Amino acid sequence: MAHNYIRKILTDKYIVNRAFYVAIIARHPKLETLSYTGITYRSMIITANDLEQYEIGTRILTKTFSSTSKQMNVVLRFLHNNVDVDDRLSVICEYEILNQRTASDIPYISLFEGEQEVLILPYSIFKIVDIKFDKNNSPQVEIKLK
């Protein structure tokens, strides 16, 4: 049953076209100067039900471009601006980028130069290596991915 779903995804014209363009971007030699390895952060506001999908040892696949920052304070500022959302949890994801084809360091071409933006490319795989909960603070959850 799962292989039928995977086959459908891999043959879906929209997804194949999109994956083609992402592959060009990720592997274009002119963009090598933008490659990034290191730690980067992203915040999320999610439901407890959404959080149940995150388990240590689970691998996740990004499906879109994901904006992150090398600076935790930038991510916390965004999180604090969105903290008063009923029945939702504030989450900080810490990504350890190991593969230089996974993310692009774009602080000088980003709309907000001071944010030290790193763009995680679609179809990047990360493994959840740790999850910490602290319901009394913000963020309430910290997820480490590698």
Protein backbone atom coordinates (compact mmCIF):
# COMPACT_ATOMS: atom_id res chain seq x y z
CA MET A 1 0.00 0.00 0.00
CA ALA A 2 2.78 2.47 0.91
CA HIS A 3 4.67 1.71 -2.31
CA ASN A 4 1.55 2.65 -4.32
CA TYR A 5 1.50 6.03 -2.60
CA ILE A 6 5.22 6.54 -3.29
CA ARG A 7 4.76 5.51 -6.93
CA LYS A 8 1.89 8.02 -7.25
CA ILE A 9 4.05 10.78 -5.77
CA LEU A 10 6.99 9.97 -8.03
CA THR A 11 4.84 9.95 -11.16
CA ASP A 12 2.64 12.93 -10.35
CA LYS A 13 3.45 15.45 -13.10
CA TYR A 14 3.31 18.48 -10.82
CA ILE A 15 5.65 16.95 -8.25
CA VAL A 16 8.07 15.63 -10.86
CA ASN A 17 8.26 19.06 -12.52
CA ARG A 18 8.73 20.75 -9.18
CA ALA A 19 11.43 18.27 -8.12
CA PHE A 20 13.20 18.88 -11.43
CA TYR A 21 13.42 22.63 -10.80
CA VAL A 22 14.50 22.16 -7.20
CA ALA A 23 17.26 19.78 -8.35
CA ILE A 24 18.49 22.40 -10.81
CA ILE A 25 18.60 25.03 -8.08
CA ALA A 26 20.26 22.73 -5.55
CA ARG A 27 22.98 21.61 -7.95
CA HIS A 28 23.61 24.70 -10.02
CA PRO A 29 27.37 25.45 -9.86
CA LYS A 30 26.83 29.22 -9.58
CA LEU A 31 24.94 28.65 -6.33
CA GLU A 32 27.77 26.71 -4.66
CA THR A 33 29.00 29.95 -3.11
CA LEU A 34 25.70 30.13 -1.22
CA SER A 35 25.89 26.62 0.25
CA TYR A 36 25.57 26.42 4.02
CA THR A 37 26.51 23.91 6.69
CA GLY A 38 25.99 24.59 10.38
CA ILE A 39 23.18 25.32 12.81
CA THR A 40 20.04 27.20 11.84
CA TYR A 41 16.67 27.80 13.53
CA ARG A 42 13.01 27.97 12.58
CA SER A 43 9.94 28.61 14.71
CA MET A 44 6.50 27.08 14.40
CA ILE A 45 3.13 27.44 16.09
CA ILE A 46 1.43 24.03 15.97
CA THR A 47 -1.30 22.04 17.67
CA ALA A 48 -0.62 19.27 20.18
CA ASN A 49 -1.99 16.87 17.57
CA ASP A 50 0.58 18.09 15.02
CA LEU A 51 3.33 17.68 17.60
CA GLU A 52 2.45 14.00 18.05
CA GLN A 53 3.80 13.41 14.53
CA TYR A 54 7.30 14.34 15.73
CA GLU A 55 9.13 11.44 17.39
CA ILE A 56 12.82 10.97 18.10
CA GLY A 57 14.36 8.84 15.36
CA THR A 58 11.72 9.81 12.80
CA ARG A 59 12.87 11.27 9.50
CA ILE A 60 11.07 14.18 7.90
CA LEU A 61 11.14 15.40 4.31
CA THR A 62 10.81 19.10 3.60
CA LYS A 63 8.40 19.74 0.74
CA THR A 64 8.85 23.49 0.40
CA PHE A 65 11.56 26.11 0.72
CA SER A 66 11.90 26.76 4.46
CA SER A 67 13.19 30.07 5.74
CA THR A 68 15.46 29.74 8.79
CA SER A 69 17.93 31.97 10.60
CA LYS A 70 21.42 31.50 11.98
CA GLN A 71 20.37 33.71 14.89
CA MET A 72 18.13 32.30 17.61
CA ASN A 73 17.00 35.80 18.67
CA VAL A 74 15.50 36.42 15.22
CA VAL A 75 13.44 33.24 15.47
CA LEU A 76 12.37 34.02 19.06
CA ARG A 77 11.21 37.49 17.98
CA PHE A 78 8.99 35.93 15.31
CA LEU A 79 7.70 33.39 17.83
CA HIS A 80 6.86 36.03 20.45
CA ASN A 81 4.89 38.00 17.86
CA ASN A 82 2.67 34.94 17.33
CA VAL A 83 2.46 33.48 20.83
CA ASP A 84 -1.15 34.32 21.74
CA VAL A 85 -2.73 31.60 19.64
CA ASP A 86 -5.27 29.44 21.48
CA ASP A 87 -4.50 25.74 21.99
CA ARG A 88 -1.28 25.94 20.01
CA LEU A 89 2.29 25.26 21.06
CA SER A 90 5.33 27.40 20.35
CA VAL A 91 8.14 25.34 18.84
CA ILE A 92 11.75 26.07 17.92
CA CYS A 93 13.41 23.69 15.47
CA GLU A 94 17.19 23.56 15.48
CA TYR A 95 18.54 22.18 12.22
CA GLU A 96 22.09 20.91 11.98
CA ILE A 97 22.83 21.19 8.27
CA LEU A 98 25.51 18.66 7.32
CA ASN A 99 25.10 18.44 3.53
CA GLN A 100 26.10 21.60 1.67
CA ARG A 101 23.40 20.93 -0.95
CA THR A 102 20.63 21.10 1.66
CA ALA A 103 20.58 24.83 2.36
CA SER A 104 21.58 28.20 0.91
CA ASP A 105 23.05 31.04 2.94
CA ILE A 106 21.22 34.09 1.60
CA PRO A 107 21.66 37.02 4.03
CA TYR A 108 22.57 39.48 1.25
CA ILE A 109 19.75 38.55 -1.09
CA SER A 110 17.14 38.05 1.61
CA LEU A 111 14.34 40.58 1.95
CA PHE A 112 15.46 41.12 5.56
CA GLU A 113 19.28 41.27 5.51
CA GLY A 114 19.72 41.44 9.29
CA GLU A 115 17.96 38.13 9.83
CA GLN A 116 20.94 36.03 8.64
CA GLU A 117 18.56 33.91 6.56
CA VAL A 118 19.35 30.38 5.48
CA LEU A 119 16.97 28.76 3.01
CA ILE A 120 16.45 25.01 3.41
CA LEU A 121 15.70 23.50 0.02
CA PRO A 122 12.69 21.27 -0.68
CA TYR A 123 13.16 17.51 -0.59
CA SER A 124 15.76 17.69 2.17
CA ILE A 125 15.67 14.91 4.74
CA PHE A 126 16.26 15.45 8.45
CA LYS A 127 16.23 13.07 11.39
CA ILE A 128 14.68 14.15 14.69
CA VAL A 129 17.40 13.59 17.29
CA ASP A 130 15.89 15.26 20.38
CA ILE A 131 12.67 16.83 21.65
CA LYS A 132 12.46 18.91 24.85
CA PHE A 133 9.24 20.11 26.47
CA ASP A 134 8.78 23.07 28.81
CA LYS A 135 5.12 24.11 28.87
CA ASN A 136 5.88 27.03 31.22
CA ASN A 137 8.24 28.88 28.86
CA SER A 138 8.34 30.09 25.30
CA PRO A 139 9.23 28.19 23.26
CA GLN A 140 7.32 25.36 24.86
CA VAL A 141 8.98 22.75 22.67
CA GLU A 142 12.47 22.48 21.16
CA ILE A 143 13.09 19.96 18.38
CA LYS A 144 16.62 19.16 17.20
CA LEU A 145 17.06 17.80 13.68
CA LYS A 146 20.14 16.56 11.87
